[in-house]
PDB file of all heavy atoms in Angstrom:
ATOM      1  N   ASP A   1      87.272 152.911  44.094  1.00  0.00           N
ATOM      2  CA  ASP A   1      86.301 151.848  43.835  1.00  0.00           C
ATOM      3  C   ASP A   1      85.699 151.338  45.140  1.00  0.00           C
ATOM      4  O   ASP A   1      84.502 151.057  45.216  1.00  0.00           O
ATOM      5  CB  ASP A   1      86.981 150.694  43.076  1.00  0.00           C
ATOM      6  CG  ASP A   1      85.972 149.830  42.346  1.00  0.00           C
ATOM      7  OD1 ASP A   1      85.109 150.393  41.646  1.00  0.00           O
ATOM      8  OD2 ASP A   1      86.039 148.600  42.486  1.00  0.00           O
ATOM      9  N   SER A   2      86.525 151.229  46.166  1.00  0.00           N
ATOM     10  CA  SER A   2      86.028 150.748  47.448  1.00  0.00           C
ATOM     11  C   SER A   2      84.975 151.689  48.024  1.00  0.00           C
ATOM     12  O   SER A   2      83.903 151.258  48.463  1.00  0.00           O
ATOM     13  CB  SER A   2      87.200 150.603  48.429  1.00  0.00           C
ATOM     14  OG  SER A   2      86.738 150.220  49.700  1.00  0.00           O
ATOM     15  N   ILE A   3      85.274 152.988  47.996  1.00  0.00           N
ATOM     16  CA  ILE A   3      84.332 153.979  48.536  1.00  0.00           C
ATOM     17  C   ILE A   3      83.104 154.080  47.643  1.00  0.00           C
ATOM     18  O   ILE A   3      81.961 154.124  48.118  1.00  0.00           O
ATOM     19  CB  ILE A   3      85.029 155.339  48.671  1.00  0.00           C
ATOM     20  CG1 ILE A   3      86.037 155.298  49.817  1.00  0.00           C
ATOM     21  CG2 ILE A   3      84.011 156.453  48.917  1.00  0.00           C
ATOM     22  CD1 ILE A   3      86.810 156.574  50.006  1.00  0.00           C
ATOM     23  N   GLY A   4      83.318 154.112  46.328  1.00  0.00           N
ATOM     24  CA  GLY A   4      82.210 154.229  45.392  1.00  0.00           C
ATOM     25  C   GLY A   4      81.265 153.049  45.455  1.00  0.00           C
ATOM     26  O   GLY A   4      80.031 153.211  45.472  1.00  0.00           O
ATOM     27  N   ASP A   5      81.816 151.830  45.505  1.00  0.00           N
ATOM     28  CA  ASP A   5      80.985 150.628  45.561  1.00  0.00           C
ATOM     29  C   ASP A   5      80.096 150.626  46.797  1.00  0.00           C
ATOM     30  O   ASP A   5      78.902 150.301  46.729  1.00  0.00           O
ATOM     31  CB  ASP A   5      81.862 149.370  45.567  1.00  0.00           C
ATOM     32  CG  ASP A   5      82.468 149.068  44.207  1.00  0.00           C
ATOM     33  OD1 ASP A   5      81.995 149.642  43.211  1.00  0.00           O
ATOM     34  OD2 ASP A   5      83.419 148.260  44.146  1.00  0.00           O
ATOM     35  N   ALA A   6      80.687 150.973  47.936  1.00  0.00           N
ATOM     36  CA  ALA A   6      79.927 150.976  49.191  1.00  0.00           C
ATOM     37  C   ALA A   6      78.792 151.997  49.148  1.00  0.00           C
ATOM     38  O   ALA A   6      77.660 151.716  49.556  1.00  0.00           O
ATOM     39  CB  ALA A   6      80.858 151.261  50.366  1.00  0.00           C
ATOM     40  N   SER A   7      79.097 153.179  48.639  1.00  0.00           N
ATOM     41  CA  SER A   7      78.077 154.225  48.547  1.00  0.00           C
ATOM     42  C   SER A   7      76.990 153.838  47.558  1.00  0.00           C
ATOM     43  O   SER A   7      75.793 154.029  47.816  1.00  0.00           O
ATOM     44  CB  SER A   7      78.724 155.544  48.130  1.00  0.00           C
ATOM     45  OG  SER A   7      77.748 156.552  47.958  1.00  0.00           O
ATOM     46  N   PHE A   8      77.372 153.262  46.429  1.00  0.00           N
ATOM     47  CA  PHE A   8      76.408 152.867  45.404  1.00  0.00           C
ATOM     48  C   PHE A   8      75.470 151.781  45.927  1.00  0.00           C
ATOM     49  O   PHE A   8      74.248 151.851  45.745  1.00  0.00           O
ATOM     50  CB  PHE A   8      77.146 152.365  44.167  1.00  0.00           C
ATOM     51  CG  PHE A   8      76.244 151.873  43.064  1.00  0.00           C
ATOM     52  CD1 PHE A   8      75.446 152.754  42.361  1.00  0.00           C
ATOM     53  CD2 PHE A   8      76.184 150.522  42.748  1.00  0.00           C
ATOM     54  CE1 PHE A   8      74.602 152.306  41.357  1.00  0.00           C
ATOM     55  CE2 PHE A   8      75.357 150.055  41.747  1.00  0.00           C
ATOM     56  CZ  PHE A   8      74.557 150.952  41.038  1.00  0.00           C
ATOM     57  N   ALA A   9      76.019 150.805  46.613  1.00  0.00           N
ATOM     58  CA  ALA A   9      75.197 149.726  47.163  1.00  0.00           C
ATOM     59  C   ALA A   9      74.202 150.272  48.181  1.00  0.00           C
ATOM     60  O   ALA A   9      73.041 149.854  48.222  1.00  0.00           O
ATOM     61  CB  ALA A   9      76.084 148.666  47.798  1.00  0.00           C
ATOM     62  N   ALA A  10      74.656 151.213  49.005  1.00  0.00           N
ATOM     63  CA  ALA A  10      73.757 151.812  50.001  1.00  0.00           C
ATOM     64  C   ALA A  10      72.650 152.609  49.322  1.00  0.00           C
ATOM     65  O   ALA A  10      71.482 152.561  49.743  1.00  0.00           O
ATOM     66  CB  ALA A  10      74.548 152.707  50.946  1.00  0.00           C
ATOM     67  N   ASN A  11      73.004 153.327  48.259  1.00  0.00           N
ATOM     68  CA  ASN A  11      72.013 154.127  47.544  1.00  0.00           C
ATOM     69  C   ASN A  11      70.977 153.259  46.831  1.00  0.00           C
ATOM     70  O   ASN A  11      69.831 153.681  46.639  1.00  0.00           O
ATOM     71  CB  ASN A  11      72.704 155.029  46.519  1.00  0.00           C
ATOM     72  CG  ASN A  11      73.587 156.079  47.161  1.00  0.00           C
ATOM     73  OD1 ASN A  11      73.390 156.437  48.318  1.00  0.00           O
ATOM     74  ND2 ASN A  11      74.584 156.558  46.427  1.00  0.00           N
ATOM     75  N   MET A  12      71.376 152.048  46.431  1.00  0.00           N
ATOM     76  CA  MET A  12      70.478 151.140  45.713  1.00  0.00           C
ATOM     77  C   MET A  12      69.730 150.191  46.644  1.00  0.00           C
ATOM     78  O   MET A  12      68.941 149.351  46.181  1.00  0.00           O
ATOM     79  CB  MET A  12      71.278 150.326  44.690  1.00  0.00           C
ATOM     80  CG  MET A  12      71.793 151.125  43.512  1.00  0.00           C
ATOM     81  SD  MET A  12      70.460 151.859  42.525  1.00  0.00           S
ATOM     82  CE  MET A  12      69.732 150.385  41.786  1.00  0.00           C
ATOM     83  N   ASN A  13      69.970 150.292  47.928  1.00  0.00           N
ATOM     84  CA  ASN A  13      69.325 149.397  48.889  1.00  0.00           C
ATOM     85  C   ASN A  13      67.806 149.544  48.812  1.00  0.00           C
ATOM     86  O   ASN A  13      67.267 150.645  48.882  1.00  0.00           O
ATOM     87  CB  ASN A  13      69.811 149.719  50.306  1.00  0.00           C
ATOM     88  CG  ASN A  13      69.272 148.738  51.322  1.00  0.00           C
ATOM     89  OD1 ASN A  13      69.158 147.546  51.050  1.00  0.00           O
ATOM     90  ND2 ASN A  13      68.941 149.245  52.503  1.00  0.00           N
ATOM     91  N   GLY A  14      67.106 148.404  48.664  1.00  0.00           N
ATOM     92  CA  GLY A  14      65.653 148.423  48.575  1.00  0.00           C
ATOM     93  C   GLY A  14      65.117 148.444  47.169  1.00  0.00           C
ATOM     94  O   GLY A  14      63.913 148.257  46.946  1.00  0.00           O
ATOM     95  N   ALA A  15      65.981 148.706  46.190  1.00  0.00           N
ATOM     96  CA  ALA A  15      65.542 148.695  44.795  1.00  0.00           C
ATOM     97  C   ALA A  15      65.325 147.257  44.338  1.00  0.00           C
ATOM     98  O   ALA A  15      66.084 146.358  44.679  1.00  0.00           O
ATOM     99  CB  ALA A  15      66.591 149.367  43.914  1.00  0.00           C
ATOM    100  N   ASN A  16      64.268 147.036  43.542  1.00  0.00           N
ATOM    101  CA  ASN A  16      63.933 145.689  43.080  1.00  0.00           C
ATOM    102  C   ASN A  16      64.750 145.333  41.844  1.00  0.00           C
ATOM    103  O   ASN A  16      64.209 145.073  40.758  1.00  0.00           O
ATOM    104  CB  ASN A  16      62.431 145.604  42.784  1.00  0.00           C
ATOM    105  CG  ASN A  16      61.981 144.177  42.525  1.00  0.00           C
ATOM    106  OD1 ASN A  16      62.623 143.226  42.992  1.00  0.00           O
ATOM    107  ND2 ASN A  16      60.897 144.025  41.778  1.00  0.00           N
ATOM    108  N   VAL A  17      66.074 145.351  41.997  1.00  0.00           N
ATOM    109  CA  VAL A  17      66.994 145.044  40.902  1.00  0.00           C
ATOM    110  C   VAL A  17      68.130 144.198  41.450  1.00  0.00           C
ATOM    111  O   VAL A  17      68.334 144.127  42.662  1.00  0.00           O
ATOM    112  CB  VAL A  17      67.569 146.320  40.250  1.00  0.00           C
ATOM    113  CG1 VAL A  17      66.468 147.201  39.681  1.00  0.00           C
ATOM    114  CG2 VAL A  17      68.422 147.091  41.257  1.00  0.00           C
ATOM    115  N   THR A  18      68.857 143.572  40.547  1.00  0.00           N
ATOM    116  CA  THR A  18      70.065 142.835  40.906  1.00  0.00           C
ATOM    117  C   THR A  18      71.273 143.569  40.336  1.00  0.00           C
ATOM    118  O   THR A  18      71.373 143.745  39.113  1.00  0.00           O
ATOM    119  CB  THR A  18      70.035 141.398  40.348  1.00  0.00           C
ATOM    120  OG1 THR A  18      68.883 140.724  40.867  1.00  0.00           O
ATOM    121  CG2 THR A  18      71.295 140.647  40.739  1.00  0.00           C
ATOM    122  N   ILE A  19      72.170 144.071  41.216  1.00  0.00           N
ATOM    123  CA  ILE A  19      73.353 144.792  40.749  1.00  0.00           C
ATOM    124  C   ILE A  19      74.341 143.809  40.140  1.00  0.00           C
ATOM    125  O   ILE A  19      74.692 142.803  40.763  1.00  0.00           O
ATOM    126  CB  ILE A  19      74.016 145.558  41.917  1.00  0.00           C
ATOM    127  CG1 ILE A  19      73.060 146.621  42.467  1.00  0.00           C
ATOM    128  CG2 ILE A  19      75.328 146.207  41.459  1.00  0.00           C
ATOM    129  CD1 ILE A  19      73.584 147.330  43.701  1.00  0.00           C
ATOM    130  N   VAL A  20      74.761 144.096  38.929  1.00  0.00           N
ATOM    131  CA  VAL A  20      75.747 143.259  38.241  1.00  0.00           C
ATOM    132  C   VAL A  20      77.152 143.706  38.603  1.00  0.00           C
ATOM    133  O   VAL A  20      78.003 142.915  38.984  1.00  0.00           O
ATOM    134  CB  VAL A  20      75.535 143.285  36.720  1.00  0.00           C
ATOM    135  CG1 VAL A  20      76.612 142.449  36.002  1.00  0.00           C
ATOM    136  CG2 VAL A  20      74.151 142.784  36.361  1.00  0.00           C
ATOM    137  N   HIS A  21      77.404 145.011  38.493  1.00  0.00           N
ATOM    138  CA  HIS A  21      78.721 145.550  38.859  1.00  0.00           C
ATOM    139  C   HIS A  21      78.643 147.066  38.965  1.00  0.00           C
ATOM    140  O   HIS A  21      77.719 147.702  38.433  1.00  0.00           O
ATOM    141  CB  HIS A  21      79.797 145.163  37.833  1.00  0.00           C
ATOM    142  CG  HIS A  21      79.689 145.918  36.542  1.00  0.00           C
ATOM    143  ND1 HIS A  21      80.181 147.190  36.364  1.00  0.00           N
ATOM    144  CD2 HIS A  21      79.123 145.578  35.352  1.00  0.00           C
ATOM    145  CE1 HIS A  21      79.942 147.611  35.142  1.00  0.00           C
ATOM    146  NE2 HIS A  21      79.300 146.647  34.500  1.00  0.00           N
ATOM    147  N   SER A  22      79.609 147.647  39.658  1.00  0.00           N
ATOM    148  CA  SER A  22      79.830 149.098  39.650  1.00  0.00           C
ATOM    149  C   SER A  22      81.330 149.315  39.681  1.00  0.00           C
ATOM    150  O   SER A  22      82.058 148.571  40.344  1.00  0.00           O
ATOM    151  CB  SER A  22      79.152 149.774  40.852  1.00  0.00           C
ATOM    152  OG  SER A  22      79.656 149.268  42.074  1.00  0.00           O
ATOM    153  N   THR A  23      81.799 150.309  38.950  1.00  0.00           N
ATOM    154  CA  THR A  23      83.233 150.560  38.819  1.00  0.00           C
ATOM    155  C   THR A  23      83.507 152.049  38.949  1.00  0.00           C
ATOM    156  O   THR A  23      82.804 152.874  38.337  1.00  0.00           O
ATOM    157  CB  THR A  23      83.760 150.064  37.462  1.00  0.00           C
ATOM    158  OG1 THR A  23      83.460 148.678  37.318  1.00  0.00           O
ATOM    159  CG2 THR A  23      85.267 150.267  37.368  1.00  0.00           C
ATOM    160  N   PHE A  24      84.536 152.384  39.734  1.00  0.00           N
ATOM    161  CA  PHE A  24      84.950 153.781  39.916  1.00  0.00           C
ATOM    162  C   PHE A  24      86.461 153.855  39.710  1.00  0.00           C
ATOM    163  O   PHE A  24      87.204 153.061  40.293  1.00  0.00           O
ATOM    164  CB  PHE A  24      84.589 154.262  41.321  1.00  0.00           C
ATOM    165  CG  PHE A  24      83.115 154.217  41.616  1.00  0.00           C
ATOM    166  CD1 PHE A  24      82.503 153.019  41.984  1.00  0.00           C
ATOM    167  CD2 PHE A  24      82.346 155.353  41.515  1.00  0.00           C
ATOM    168  CE1 PHE A  24      81.141 152.962  42.259  1.00  0.00           C
ATOM    169  CE2 PHE A  24      80.980 155.302  41.788  1.00  0.00           C
ATOM    170  CZ  PHE A  24      80.379 154.104  42.152  1.00  0.00           C
ATOM    171  N   ARG A  25      86.909 154.804  38.905  1.00  0.00           N
ATOM    172  CA  ARG A  25      88.335 154.932  38.638  1.00  0.00           C
ATOM    173  C   ARG A  25      88.697 156.400  38.436  1.00  0.00           C
ATOM    174  O   ARG A  25      87.829 157.254  38.177  1.00  0.00           O
ATOM    175  CB  ARG A  25      88.738 154.128  37.399  1.00  0.00           C
ATOM    176  CG  ARG A  25      88.063 154.574  36.115  1.00  0.00           C
ATOM    177  CD  ARG A  25      88.453 153.712  34.922  1.00  0.00           C
ATOM    178  NE  ARG A  25      87.741 154.110  33.716  1.00  0.00           N
ATOM    179  CZ  ARG A  25      88.123 155.112  32.916  1.00  0.00           C
ATOM    180  NH1 ARG A  25      89.219 155.812  33.233  1.00  0.00           N
ATOM    181  NH2 ARG A  25      87.435 155.424  31.836  1.00  0.00           N
ATOM    182  N   ALA A  26      89.994 156.674  38.573  1.00  0.00           N
ATOM    183  CA  ALA A  26      90.488 158.046  38.411  1.00  0.00           C
ATOM    184  C   ALA A  26      91.009 158.264  36.999  1.00  0.00           C
ATOM    185  O   ALA A  26      91.597 157.373  36.382  1.00  0.00           O
ATOM    186  CB  ALA A  26      91.615 158.310  39.406  1.00  0.00           C
ATOM    187  N   GLU A  27      90.750 159.458  36.509  1.00  0.00           N
ATOM    188  CA  GLU A  27      91.300 159.873  35.215  1.00  0.00           C
ATOM    189  C   GLU A  27      91.630 161.359  35.324  1.00  0.00           C
ATOM    190  O   GLU A  27      90.778 162.213  35.118  1.00  0.00           O
ATOM    191  CB  GLU A  27      90.300 159.618  34.096  1.00  0.00           C
ATOM    192  CG  GLU A  27      90.864 159.846  32.689  1.00  0.00           C
ATOM    193  CD  GLU A  27      89.876 159.486  31.609  1.00  0.00           C
ATOM    194  OE1 GLU A  27      89.628 158.278  31.416  1.00  0.00           O
ATOM    195  OE2 GLU A  27      89.335 160.414  30.953  1.00  0.00           O
ATOM    196  N   GLY A  28      92.884 161.638  35.679  1.00  0.00           N
ATOM    197  CA  GLY A  28      93.257 163.018  35.975  1.00  0.00           C
ATOM    198  C   GLY A  28      92.507 163.491  37.205  1.00  0.00           C
ATOM    199  O   GLY A  28      92.510 162.837  38.242  1.00  0.00           O
ATOM    200  N   ASN A  29      91.827 164.624  37.094  1.00  0.00           N
ATOM    201  CA  ASN A  29      91.031 165.146  38.203  1.00  0.00           C
ATOM    202  C   ASN A  29      89.598 164.633  38.175  1.00  0.00           C
ATOM    203  O   ASN A  29      88.750 165.119  38.925  1.00  0.00           O
ATOM    204  CB  ASN A  29      91.011 166.673  38.164  1.00  0.00           C
ATOM    205  CG  ASN A  29      92.254 167.266  38.789  1.00  0.00           C
ATOM    206  OD1 ASN A  29      93.081 166.553  39.331  1.00  0.00           O
ATOM    207  ND2 ASN A  29      92.398 168.576  38.691  1.00  0.00           N
ATOM    208  N   LYS A  30      89.308 163.678  37.306  1.00  0.00           N
ATOM    209  CA  LYS A  30      87.955 163.150  37.181  1.00  0.00           C
ATOM    210  C   LYS A  30      87.825 161.794  37.844  1.00  0.00           C
ATOM    211  O   LYS A  30      88.770 161.014  37.909  1.00  0.00           O
ATOM    212  CB  LYS A  30      87.561 163.030  35.704  1.00  0.00           C
ATOM    213  CG  LYS A  30      87.442 164.359  34.974  1.00  0.00           C
ATOM    214  CD  LYS A  30      87.005 164.140  33.535  1.00  0.00           C
ATOM    215  CE  LYS A  30      86.851 165.467  32.801  1.00  0.00           C
ATOM    216  NZ  LYS A  30      86.445 165.263  31.391  1.00  0.00           N
ATOM    217  N   VAL A  31      86.622 161.508  38.319  1.00  0.00           N
ATOM    218  CA  VAL A  31      86.253 160.168  38.761  1.00  0.00           C
ATOM    219  C   VAL A  31      85.241 159.641  37.749  1.00  0.00           C
ATOM    220  O   VAL A  31      84.166 160.234  37.564  1.00  0.00           O
ATOM    221  CB  VAL A  31      85.650 160.176  40.181  1.00  0.00           C
ATOM    222  CG1 VAL A  31      85.124 158.787  40.544  1.00  0.00           C
ATOM    223  CG2 VAL A  31      86.686 160.626  41.194  1.00  0.00           C
ATOM    224  N   ILE A  32      85.606 158.564  37.071  1.00  0.00           N
ATOM    225  CA  ILE A  32      84.762 157.957  36.045  1.00  0.00           C
ATOM    226  C   ILE A  32      84.057 156.756  36.666  1.00  0.00           C
ATOM    227  O   ILE A  32      84.708 155.895  37.260  1.00  0.00           O
ATOM    228  CB  ILE A  32      85.581 157.492  34.832  1.00  0.00           C
ATOM    229  CG1 ILE A  32      86.496 158.629  34.333  1.00  0.00           C
ATOM    230  CG2 ILE A  32      84.678 156.996  33.723  1.00  0.00           C
ATOM    231  CD1 ILE A  32      85.769 159.847  33.842  1.00  0.00           C
ATOM    232  N   ALA A  33      82.726 156.688  36.528  1.00  0.00           N
ATOM    233  CA  ALA A  33      81.963 155.609  37.153  1.00  0.00           C
ATOM    234  C   ALA A  33      80.983 154.991  36.164  1.00  0.00           C
ATOM    235  O   ALA A  33      80.437 155.672  35.278  1.00  0.00           O
ATOM    236  CB  ALA A  33      81.198 156.130  38.363  1.00  0.00           C
ATOM    237  N   SER A  34      80.755 153.712  36.309  1.00  0.00           N
ATOM    238  CA  SER A  34      79.753 153.005  35.500  1.00  0.00           C
ATOM    239  C   SER A  34      79.137 151.910  36.354  1.00  0.00           C
ATOM    240  O   SER A  34      79.753 151.415  37.311  1.00  0.00           O
ATOM    241  CB  SER A  34      80.375 152.409  34.241  1.00  0.00           C
ATOM    242  OG  SER A  34      81.364 151.442  34.577  1.00  0.00           O
ATOM    243  N   ALA A  35      77.910 151.521  36.015  1.00  0.00           N
ATOM    244  CA  ALA A  35      77.222 150.476  36.763  1.00  0.00           C
ATOM    245  C   ALA A  35      76.235 149.759  35.852  1.00  0.00           C
ATOM    246  O   ALA A  35      75.778 150.313  34.838  1.00  0.00           O
ATOM    247  CB  ALA A  35      76.498 151.055  37.972  1.00  0.00           C
ATOM    248  N   GLN A  36      75.903 148.531  36.213  1.00  0.00           N
ATOM    249  CA  GLN A  36      74.954 147.730  35.451  1.00  0.00           C
ATOM    250  C   GLN A  36      74.110 146.918  36.433  1.00  0.00           C
ATOM    251  O   GLN A  36      74.607 146.456  37.468  1.00  0.00           O
ATOM    252  CB  GLN A  36      75.698 146.798  34.488  1.00  0.00           C
ATOM    253  CG  GLN A  36      74.824 146.191  33.406  1.00  0.00           C
ATOM    254  CD  GLN A  36      75.648 145.386  32.417  1.00  0.00           C
ATOM    255  OE1 GLN A  36      76.090 144.293  32.718  1.00  0.00           O
ATOM    256  NE2 GLN A  36      75.866 145.952  31.237  1.00  0.00           N
ATOM    257  N   ALA A  37      72.836 146.760  36.104  1.00  0.00           N
ATOM    258  CA  ALA A  37      71.929 145.982  36.949  1.00  0.00           C
ATOM    259  C   ALA A  37      70.905 145.271  36.073  1.00  0.00           C
ATOM    260  O   ALA A  37      70.759 145.565  34.881  1.00  0.00           O
ATOM    261  CB  ALA A  37      71.241 146.889  37.961  1.00  0.00           C
ATOM    262  N   LYS A  38      70.189 144.317  36.660  1.00  0.00           N
ATOM    263  CA  LYS A  38      69.155 143.566  35.944  1.00  0.00           C
ATOM    264  C   LYS A  38      67.817 143.718  36.657  1.00  0.00           C
ATOM    265  O   LYS A  38      67.746 143.697  37.886  1.00  0.00           O
ATOM    266  CB  LYS A  38      69.532 142.097  35.861  1.00  0.00           C
ATOM    267  CG  LYS A  38      70.691 141.817  34.910  1.00  0.00           C
ATOM    268  CD  LYS A  38      70.945 140.319  34.764  1.00  0.00           C
ATOM    269  CE  LYS A  38      72.063 140.072  33.730  1.00  0.00           C
ATOM    270  NZ  LYS A  38      72.305 138.623  33.536  1.00  0.00           N
TER     271      LYS A  38
END
């Protein structure tokens, strides 16, 4: 989550939106991610 959040925020820099949240978690060999913005 720490790495994902930082990368996501950098990727969204300059976008005319307000980030509500982003979440990254492990599930076996998968990384599951979700995000919401306004």
